[in-house]
Amino acid sequence: MKNEKSYTELMKASKMNKKISVEAYMMNIYVQMIIDESLFHYHQKLLQEKIDYAIDTHNPVLFNVLCDKYKKFLLDWGA
């Protein structure tokens, strides 16, 4: 006879596989959240530095363009 598992063993194995897949899915979500937050802060800092440069160089046109970009950036990210 082949090495067959009982119904109970199969159900336990199935439940463990499902638990592992749920944990893997949640881990992927957490990793994506960390990446998204890092990208958000990177681009936010970059735009703020450019706005600061426009202020320091007394360039109102560049300042207005960058402020519009910053506003759109915040709207796009839901901040």
PDB file of N, CA and C in Angstrom:
ATOM      1  N   MET A   1       0.833  -1.186   0.000  1.00  0.00           N
ATOM      2  CA  MET A   1       0.000   0.000   0.000  1.00  0.00           C
ATOM      3  C   MET A   1       0.875   1.244   0.000  1.00  0.00           C
ATOM      4  N   LYS A   2       0.408   2.231  -0.695  1.00  0.00           N
ATOM      5  CA  LYS A   2       1.146   3.486  -0.748  1.00  0.00           C
ATOM      6  C   LYS A   2       1.110   4.183   0.604  1.00  0.00           C
ATOM      7  N   ASN A   3       2.021   5.137   0.749  1.00  0.00           N
ATOM      8  CA  ASN A   3       2.096   5.919   1.983  1.00  0.00           C
ATOM      9  C   ASN A   3       1.054   7.029   1.891  1.00  0.00           C
ATOM     10  N   GLU A   4      -0.190   6.706   2.235  1.00  0.00           N
ATOM     11  CA  GLU A   4      -1.288   7.664   2.123  1.00  0.00           C
ATOM     12  C   GLU A   4      -1.564   8.312   3.474  1.00  0.00           C
ATOM     13  N   LYS A   5      -1.945   9.557   3.423  1.00  0.00           N
ATOM     14  CA  LYS A   5      -2.282  10.292   4.642  1.00  0.00           C
ATOM     15  C   LYS A   5      -3.778  10.199   4.894  1.00  0.00           C
ATOM     16  N   SER A   6      -4.121  10.263   6.135  1.00  0.00           N
ATOM     17  CA  SER A   6      -5.538  10.232   6.488  1.00  0.00           C
ATOM     18  C   SER A   6      -6.174  11.584   6.163  1.00  0.00           C
ATOM     19  N   TYR A   7      -7.488  11.581   6.171  1.00  0.00           N
ATOM     20  CA  TYR A   7      -8.231  12.816   5.910  1.00  0.00           C
ATOM     21  C   TYR A   7      -7.852  13.890   6.922  1.00  0.00           C
ATOM     22  N   THR A   8      -7.709  13.532   8.171  1.00  0.00           N
ATOM     23  CA  THR A   8      -7.352  14.481   9.228  1.00  0.00           C
ATOM     24  C   THR A   8      -5.978  15.088   8.973  1.00  0.00           C
ATOM     25  N   GLU A   9      -5.034  14.248   8.585  1.00  0.00           N
ATOM     26  CA  GLU A   9      -3.686  14.754   8.290  1.00  0.00           C
ATOM     27  C   GLU A   9      -3.698  15.704   7.109  1.00  0.00           C
ATOM     28  N   LEU A  10      -4.497  15.349   6.074  1.00  0.00           N
ATOM     29  CA  LEU A  10      -4.600  16.220   4.889  1.00  0.00           C
ATOM     30  C   LEU A  10      -5.209  17.572   5.258  1.00  0.00           C
ATOM     31  N   MET A  11      -6.218  17.566   6.118  1.00  0.00           N
ATOM     32  CA  MET A  11      -6.864  18.816   6.526  1.00  0.00           C
ATOM     33  C   MET A  11      -5.909  19.677   7.352  1.00  0.00           C
ATOM     34  N   LYS A  12      -5.130  19.050   8.234  1.00  0.00           N
ATOM     35  CA  LYS A  12      -4.149  19.792   9.019  1.00  0.00           C
ATOM     36  C   LYS A  12      -3.101  20.412   8.108  1.00  0.00           C
ATOM     37  N   ALA A  13      -2.613  19.649   7.143  1.00  0.00           N
ATOM     38  CA  ALA A  13      -1.606  20.151   6.206  1.00  0.00           C
ATOM     39  C   ALA A  13      -2.176  21.295   5.376  1.00  0.00           C
ATOM     40  N   SER A  14      -3.434  21.137   4.958  1.00  0.00           N
ATOM     41  CA  SER A  14      -4.087  22.189   4.170  1.00  0.00           C
ATOM     42  C   SER A  14      -4.219  23.477   4.976  1.00  0.00           C
ATOM     43  N   LYS A  15      -4.594  23.342   6.231  1.00  0.00           N
ATOM     44  CA  LYS A  15      -4.747  24.516   7.088  1.00  0.00           C
ATOM     45  C   LYS A  15      -3.401  25.211   7.313  1.00  0.00           C
ATOM     46  N   MET A  16      -2.343  24.429   7.489  1.00  0.00           N
ATOM     47  CA  MET A  16      -1.010  25.010   7.677  1.00  0.00           C
ATOM     48  C   MET A  16      -0.572  25.754   6.420  1.00  0.00           C
ATOM     49  N   ASN A  17      -0.815  25.161   5.252  1.00  0.00           N
ATOM     50  CA  ASN A  17      -0.450  25.827   3.999  1.00  0.00           C
ATOM     51  C   ASN A  17      -1.221  27.128   3.833  1.00  0.00           C
ATOM     52  N   LYS A  18      -2.498  27.101   4.207  1.00  0.00           N
ATOM     53  CA  LYS A  18      -3.317  28.304   4.104  1.00  0.00           C
ATOM     54  C   LYS A  18      -2.806  29.377   5.066  1.00  0.00           C
ATOM     55  N   LYS A  19      -2.443  28.964   6.278  1.00  0.00           N
ATOM     56  CA  LYS A  19      -1.922  29.917   7.257  1.00  0.00           C
ATOM     57  C   LYS A  19      -0.624  30.533   6.766  1.00  0.00           C
ATOM     58  N   ILE A  20       0.236  29.715   6.173  1.00  0.00           N
ATOM     59  CA  ILE A  20       1.505  30.219   5.646  1.00  0.00           C
ATOM     60  C   ILE A  20       1.251  31.191   4.499  1.00  0.00           C
ATOM     61  N   SER A  21       0.297  30.875   3.624  1.00  0.00           N
ATOM     62  CA  SER A  21       0.031  31.762   2.500  1.00  0.00           C
ATOM     63  C   SER A  21      -0.575  33.087   2.977  1.00  0.00           C
ATOM     64  N   VAL A  22      -1.403  33.063   4.009  1.00  0.00           N
ATOM     65  CA  VAL A  22      -1.963  34.299   4.562  1.00  0.00           C
ATOM     66  C   VAL A  22      -0.845  35.133   5.184  1.00  0.00           C
ATOM     67  N   GLU A  23       0.051  34.477   5.904  1.00  0.00           N
ATOM     68  CA  GLU A  23       1.175  35.204   6.504  1.00  0.00           C
ATOM     69  C   GLU A  23       2.075  35.799   5.426  1.00  0.00           C
ATOM     70  N   ALA A  24       2.314  35.064   4.357  1.00  0.00           N
ATOM     71  CA  ALA A  24       3.139  35.575   3.262  1.00  0.00           C
ATOM     72  C   ALA A  24       2.454  36.773   2.601  1.00  0.00           C
ATOM     73  N   TYR A  25       1.144  36.682   2.418  1.00  0.00           N
ATOM     74  CA  TYR A  25       0.386  37.782   1.829  1.00  0.00           C
ATOM     75  C   TYR A  25       0.480  39.037   2.703  1.00  0.00           C
ATOM     76  N   MET A  26       0.303  38.856   4.004  1.00  0.00           N
ATOM     77  CA  MET A  26       0.384  39.994   4.921  1.00  0.00           C
ATOM     78  C   MET A  26       1.800  40.578   4.938  1.00  0.00           C
ATOM     79  N   MET A  27       2.797  39.734   4.872  1.00  0.00           N
ATOM     80  CA  MET A  27       4.180  40.220   4.830  1.00  0.00           C
ATOM     81  C   MET A  27       4.406  41.056   3.572  1.00  0.00           C
ATOM     82  N   ASN A  28       3.849  40.615   2.451  1.00  0.00           N
ATOM     83  CA  ASN A  28       3.972  41.389   1.210  1.00  0.00           C
ATOM     84  C   ASN A  28       3.299  42.753   1.346  1.00  0.00           C
ATOM     85  N   ILE A  29       2.159  42.790   2.013  1.00  0.00           N
ATOM     86  CA  ILE A  29       1.471  44.068   2.222  1.00  0.00           C
ATOM     87  C   ILE A  29       2.323  44.991   3.082  1.00  0.00           C
ATOM     88  N   TYR A  30       2.895  44.462   4.160  1.00  0.00           N
ATOM     89  CA  TYR A  30       3.738  45.283   5.033  1.00  0.00           C
ATOM     90  C   TYR A  30       4.959  45.811   4.292  1.00  0.00           C
ATOM     91  N   VAL A  31       5.576  44.974   3.486  1.00  0.00           N
ATOM     92  CA  VAL A  31       6.751  45.393   2.717  1.00  0.00           C
ATOM     93  C   VAL A  31       6.362  46.496   1.736  1.00  0.00           C
ATOM     94  N   GLN A  32       5.221  46.327   1.068  1.00  0.00           N
ATOM     95  CA  GLN A  32       4.769  47.347   0.115  1.00  0.00           C
ATOM     96  C   GLN A  32       4.476  48.666   0.825  1.00  0.00           C
ATOM     97  N   MET A  33       3.921  48.596   2.030  1.00  0.00           N
ATOM     98  CA  MET A  33       3.648  49.815   2.795  1.00  0.00           C
ATOM     99  C   MET A  33       4.947  50.539   3.151  1.00  0.00           C
ATOM    100  N   ILE A  34       5.962  49.792   3.520  1.00  0.00           N
ATOM    101  CA  ILE A  34       7.254  50.392   3.857  1.00  0.00           C
ATOM    102  C   ILE A  34       7.874  51.044   2.632  1.00  0.00           C
ATOM    103  N   ILE A  35       7.810  50.361   1.496  1.00  0.00           N
ATOM    104  CA  ILE A  35       8.358  50.921   0.253  1.00  0.00           C
ATOM    105  C   ILE A  35       7.604  52.189  -0.133  1.00  0.00           C
ATOM    106  N   ASP A  36       6.270  52.145  -0.068  1.00  0.00           N
ATOM    107  CA  ASP A  36       5.464  53.316  -0.412  1.00  0.00           C
ATOM    108  C   ASP A  36       5.775  54.502   0.497  1.00  0.00           C
ATOM    109  N   GLU A  37       5.896  54.236   1.791  1.00  0.00           N
ATOM    110  CA  GLU A  37       6.202  55.317   2.726  1.00  0.00           C
ATOM    111  C   GLU A  37       7.582  55.906   2.454  1.00  0.00           C
ATOM    112  N   SER A  38       8.539  55.057   2.136  1.00  0.00           N
ATOM    113  CA  SER A  38       9.885  55.536   1.820  1.00  0.00           C
ATOM    114  C   SER A  38       9.869  56.413   0.570  1.00  0.00           C
ATOM    115  N   LEU A  39       9.154  55.969  -0.452  1.00  0.00           N
ATOM    116  CA  LEU A  39       9.058  56.764  -1.682  1.00  0.00           C
ATOM    117  C   LEU A  39       8.365  58.098  -1.423  1.00  0.00           C
ATOM    118  N   PHE A  40       7.296  58.064  -0.638  1.00  0.00           N
ATOM    119  CA  PHE A  40       6.583  59.291  -0.305  1.00  0.00           C
ATOM    120  C   PHE A  40       7.527  60.292   0.361  1.00  0.00           C
ATOM    121  N   HIS A  41       8.250  59.855   1.382  1.00  0.00           N
ATOM    122  CA  HIS A  41       9.132  60.767   2.111  1.00  0.00           C
ATOM    123  C   HIS A  41      10.301  61.240   1.249  1.00  0.00           C
ATOM    124  N   TYR A  42      10.812  60.371   0.384  1.00  0.00           N
ATOM    125  CA  TYR A  42      11.901  60.769  -0.508  1.00  0.00           C
ATOM    126  C   TYR A  42      11.453  61.881  -1.450  1.00  0.00           C
ATOM    127  N   HIS A  43      10.320  61.670  -2.127  1.00  0.00           N
ATOM    128  CA  HIS A  43       9.834  62.675  -3.082  1.00  0.00           C
ATOM    129  C   HIS A  43       9.376  63.947  -2.372  1.00  0.00           C
ATOM    130  N   GLN A  44       8.802  63.814  -1.204  1.00  0.00           N
ATOM    131  CA  GLN A  44       8.397  64.987  -0.436  1.00  0.00           C
ATOM    132  C   GLN A  44       9.620  65.826  -0.076  1.00  0.00           C
ATOM    133  N   LYS A  45      10.662  65.180   0.404  1.00  0.00           N
ATOM    134  CA  LYS A  45      11.876  65.904   0.783  1.00  0.00           C
ATOM    135  C   LYS A  45      12.515  66.562  -0.431  1.00  0.00           C
ATOM    136  N   LEU A  46      12.530  65.858  -1.545  1.00  0.00           N
ATOM    137  CA  LEU A  46      13.110  66.405  -2.775  1.00  0.00           C
ATOM    138  C   LEU A  46      12.360  67.663  -3.221  1.00  0.00           C
ATOM    139  N   LEU A  47      11.044  67.608  -3.213  1.00  0.00           N
ATOM    140  CA  LEU A  47      10.258  68.786  -3.602  1.00  0.00           C
ATOM    141  C   LEU A  47      10.450  69.932  -2.611  1.00  0.00           C
ATOM    142  N   GLN A  48      10.513  69.619  -1.335  1.00  0.00           N
ATOM    143  CA  GLN A  48      10.719  70.671  -0.335  1.00  0.00           C
ATOM    144  C   GLN A  48      12.084  71.333  -0.504  1.00  0.00           C
ATOM    145  N   GLU A  49      13.098  70.549  -0.836  1.00  0.00           N
ATOM    146  CA  GLU A  49      14.427  71.135  -1.075  1.00  0.00           C
ATOM    147  C   GLU A  49      14.414  72.045  -2.304  1.00  0.00           C
ATOM    148  N   LYS A  50      13.707  71.636  -3.341  1.00  0.00           N
ATOM    149  CA  LYS A  50      13.611  72.469  -4.541  1.00  0.00           C
ATOM    150  C   LYS A  50      12.842  73.760  -4.247  1.00  0.00           C
ATOM    151  N   ILE A  51      11.791  73.663  -3.442  1.00  0.00           N
ATOM    152  CA  ILE A  51      11.027  74.854  -3.056  1.00  0.00           C
ATOM    153  C   ILE A  51      11.911  75.782  -2.232  1.00  0.00           C
ATOM    154  N   ASP A  52      12.673  75.215  -1.307  1.00  0.00           N
ATOM    155  CA  ASP A  52      13.597  76.028  -0.506  1.00  0.00           C
ATOM    156  C   ASP A  52      14.623  76.734  -1.394  1.00  0.00           C
ATOM    157  N   TYR A  53      15.106  76.029  -2.422  1.00  0.00           N
ATOM    158  CA  TYR A  53      16.066  76.629  -3.353  1.00  0.00           C
ATOM    159  C   TYR A  53      15.418  77.802  -4.099  1.00  0.00           C
ATOM    160  N   ALA A  54      14.167  77.609  -4.521  1.00  0.00           N
ATOM    161  CA  ALA A  54      13.461  78.689  -5.232  1.00  0.00           C
ATOM    162  C   ALA A  54      13.282  79.897  -4.320  1.00  0.00           C
ATOM    163  N   ILE A  55      13.032  79.666  -3.050  1.00  0.00           N
ATOM    164  CA  ILE A  55      12.910  80.774  -2.099  1.00  0.00           C
ATOM    165  C   ILE A  55      14.256  81.456  -1.909  1.00  0.00           C
ATOM    166  N   ASP A  56      15.305  80.656  -1.732  1.00  0.00           N
ATOM    167  CA  ASP A  56      16.644  81.215  -1.507  1.00  0.00           C
ATOM    168  C   ASP A  56      17.140  82.028  -2.694  1.00  0.00           C
ATOM    169  N   THR A  57      16.762  81.618  -3.899  1.00  0.00           N
ATOM    170  CA  THR A  57      17.214  82.330  -5.100  1.00  0.00           C
ATOM    171  C   THR A  57      16.231  83.407  -5.538  1.00  0.00           C
ATOM    172  N   HIS A  58      15.193  83.625  -4.752  1.00  0.00           N
ATOM    173  CA  HIS A  58      14.183  84.657  -5.046  1.00  0.00           C
ATOM    174  C   HIS A  58      13.594  84.463  -6.441  1.00  0.00           C
ATOM    175  N   ASN A  59      13.170  83.229  -6.710  1.00  0.00           N
ATOM    176  CA  ASN A  59      12.609  82.897  -8.011  1.00  0.00           C
ATOM    177  C   ASN A  59      11.121  82.560  -7.839  1.00  0.00           C
ATOM    178  N   PRO A  60      10.253  83.569  -7.978  1.00  0.00           N
ATOM    179  CA  PRO A  60       8.820  83.331  -7.727  1.00  0.00           C
ATOM    180  C   PRO A  60       8.165  82.404  -8.751  1.00  0.00           C
ATOM    181  N   VAL A  61       8.642  82.436  -9.986  1.00  0.00           N
ATOM    182  CA  VAL A  61       8.046  81.571 -11.014  1.00  0.00           C
ATOM    183  C   VAL A  61       8.313  80.105 -10.680  1.00  0.00           C
ATOM    184  N   LEU A  62       9.577  79.789 -10.381  1.00  0.00           N
ATOM    185  CA  LEU A  62       9.935  78.420 -10.009  1.00  0.00           C
ATOM    186  C   LEU A  62       9.212  78.013  -8.724  1.00  0.00           C
ATOM    187  N   PHE A  63       9.117  78.935  -7.782  1.00  0.00           N
ATOM    188  CA  PHE A  63       8.427  78.666  -6.526  1.00  0.00           C
ATOM    189  C   PHE A  63       6.971  78.272  -6.776  1.00  0.00           C
ATOM    190  N   ASN A  64       6.277  79.024  -7.616  1.00  0.00           N
ATOM    191  CA  ASN A  64       4.872  78.729  -7.907  1.00  0.00           C
ATOM    192  C   ASN A  64       4.703  77.393  -8.624  1.00  0.00           C
ATOM    193  N   VAL A  65       5.588  77.110  -9.561  1.00  0.00           N
ATOM    194  CA  VAL A  65       5.523  75.830 -10.280  1.00  0.00           C
ATOM    195  C   VAL A  65       5.738  74.669  -9.306  1.00  0.00           C
ATOM    196  N   LEU A  66       6.742  74.806  -8.460  1.00  0.00           N
ATOM    197  CA  LEU A  66       7.044  73.735  -7.510  1.00  0.00           C
ATOM    198  C   LEU A  66       5.947  73.582  -6.453  1.00  0.00           C
ATOM    199  N   CYS A  67       5.361  74.690  -6.046  1.00  0.00           N
ATOM    200  CA  CYS A  67       4.255  74.602  -5.081  1.00  0.00           C
ATOM    201  C   CYS A  67       3.061  73.875  -5.684  1.00  0.00           C
ATOM    202  N   ASP A  68       2.785  74.135  -6.955  1.00  0.00           N
ATOM    203  CA  ASP A  68       1.705  73.421  -7.631  1.00  0.00           C
ATOM    204  C   ASP A  68       2.013  71.925  -7.719  1.00  0.00           C
ATOM    205  N   LYS A  69       3.273  71.601  -8.022  1.00  0.00           N
ATOM    206  CA  LYS A  69       3.682  70.200  -8.063  1.00  0.00           C
ATOM    207  C   LYS A  69       3.541  69.551  -6.688  1.00  0.00           C
ATOM    208  N   TYR A  70       3.903  70.305  -5.660  1.00  0.00           N
ATOM    209  CA  TYR A  70       3.824  69.779  -4.297  1.00  0.00           C
ATOM    210  C   TYR A  70       2.376  69.514  -3.896  1.00  0.00           C
ATOM    211  N   LYS A  71       1.486  70.443  -4.244  1.00  0.00           N
ATOM    212  CA  LYS A  71       0.067  70.259  -3.949  1.00  0.00           C
ATOM    213  C   LYS A  71      -0.483  69.028  -4.660  1.00  0.00           C
ATOM    214  N   LYS A  72      -0.119  68.869  -5.946  1.00  0.00           N
ATOM    215  CA  LYS A  72      -0.566  67.700  -6.713  1.00  0.00           C
ATOM    216  C   LYS A  72       0.009  66.419  -6.122  1.00  0.00           C
ATOM    217  N   PHE A  73       1.263  66.475  -5.725  1.00  0.00           N
ATOM    218  CA  PHE A  73       1.904  65.320  -5.092  1.00  0.00           C
ATOM    219  C   PHE A  73       1.139  64.887  -3.850  1.00  0.00           C
ATOM    220  N   LEU A  74       0.771  65.847  -3.000  1.00  0.00           N
ATOM    221  CA  LEU A  74       0.033  65.515  -1.784  1.00  0.00           C
ATOM    222  C   LEU A  74      -1.357  64.960  -2.091  1.00  0.00           C
ATOM    223  N   LEU A  75      -1.996  65.517  -3.099  1.00  0.00           N
ATOM    224  CA  LEU A  75      -3.310  64.992  -3.494  1.00  0.00           C
ATOM    225  C   LEU A  75      -3.206  63.574  -4.041  1.00  0.00           C
ATOM    226  N   ASP A  76      -2.183  63.326  -4.868  1.00  0.00           N
ATOM    227  CA  ASP A  76      -1.989  62.002  -5.463  1.00  0.00           C
ATOM    228  C   ASP A  76      -1.731  60.947  -4.391  1.00  0.00           C
ATOM    229  N   TRP A  77      -1.012  61.321  -3.359  1.00  0.00           N
ATOM    230  CA  TRP A  77      -0.667  60.362  -2.303  1.00  0.00           C
ATOM    231  C   TRP A  77      -1.720  60.347  -1.192  1.00  0.00           C
ATOM    232  N   GLY A  78      -2.706  61.194  -1.283  1.00  0.00           N
ATOM    233  CA  GLY A  78      -3.762  61.192  -0.280  1.00  0.00           C
ATOM    234  C   GLY A  78      -3.326  61.759   1.053  1.00  0.00           C
ATOM    235  N   ALA A  79      -2.355  62.633   1.019  1.00  0.00           N
ATOM    236  CA  ALA A  79      -1.839  63.218   2.276  1.00  0.00           C
ATOM    237  C   ALA A  79      -2.531  64.524   2.569  1.00  0.00           C
TER     238      ALA A  79
END
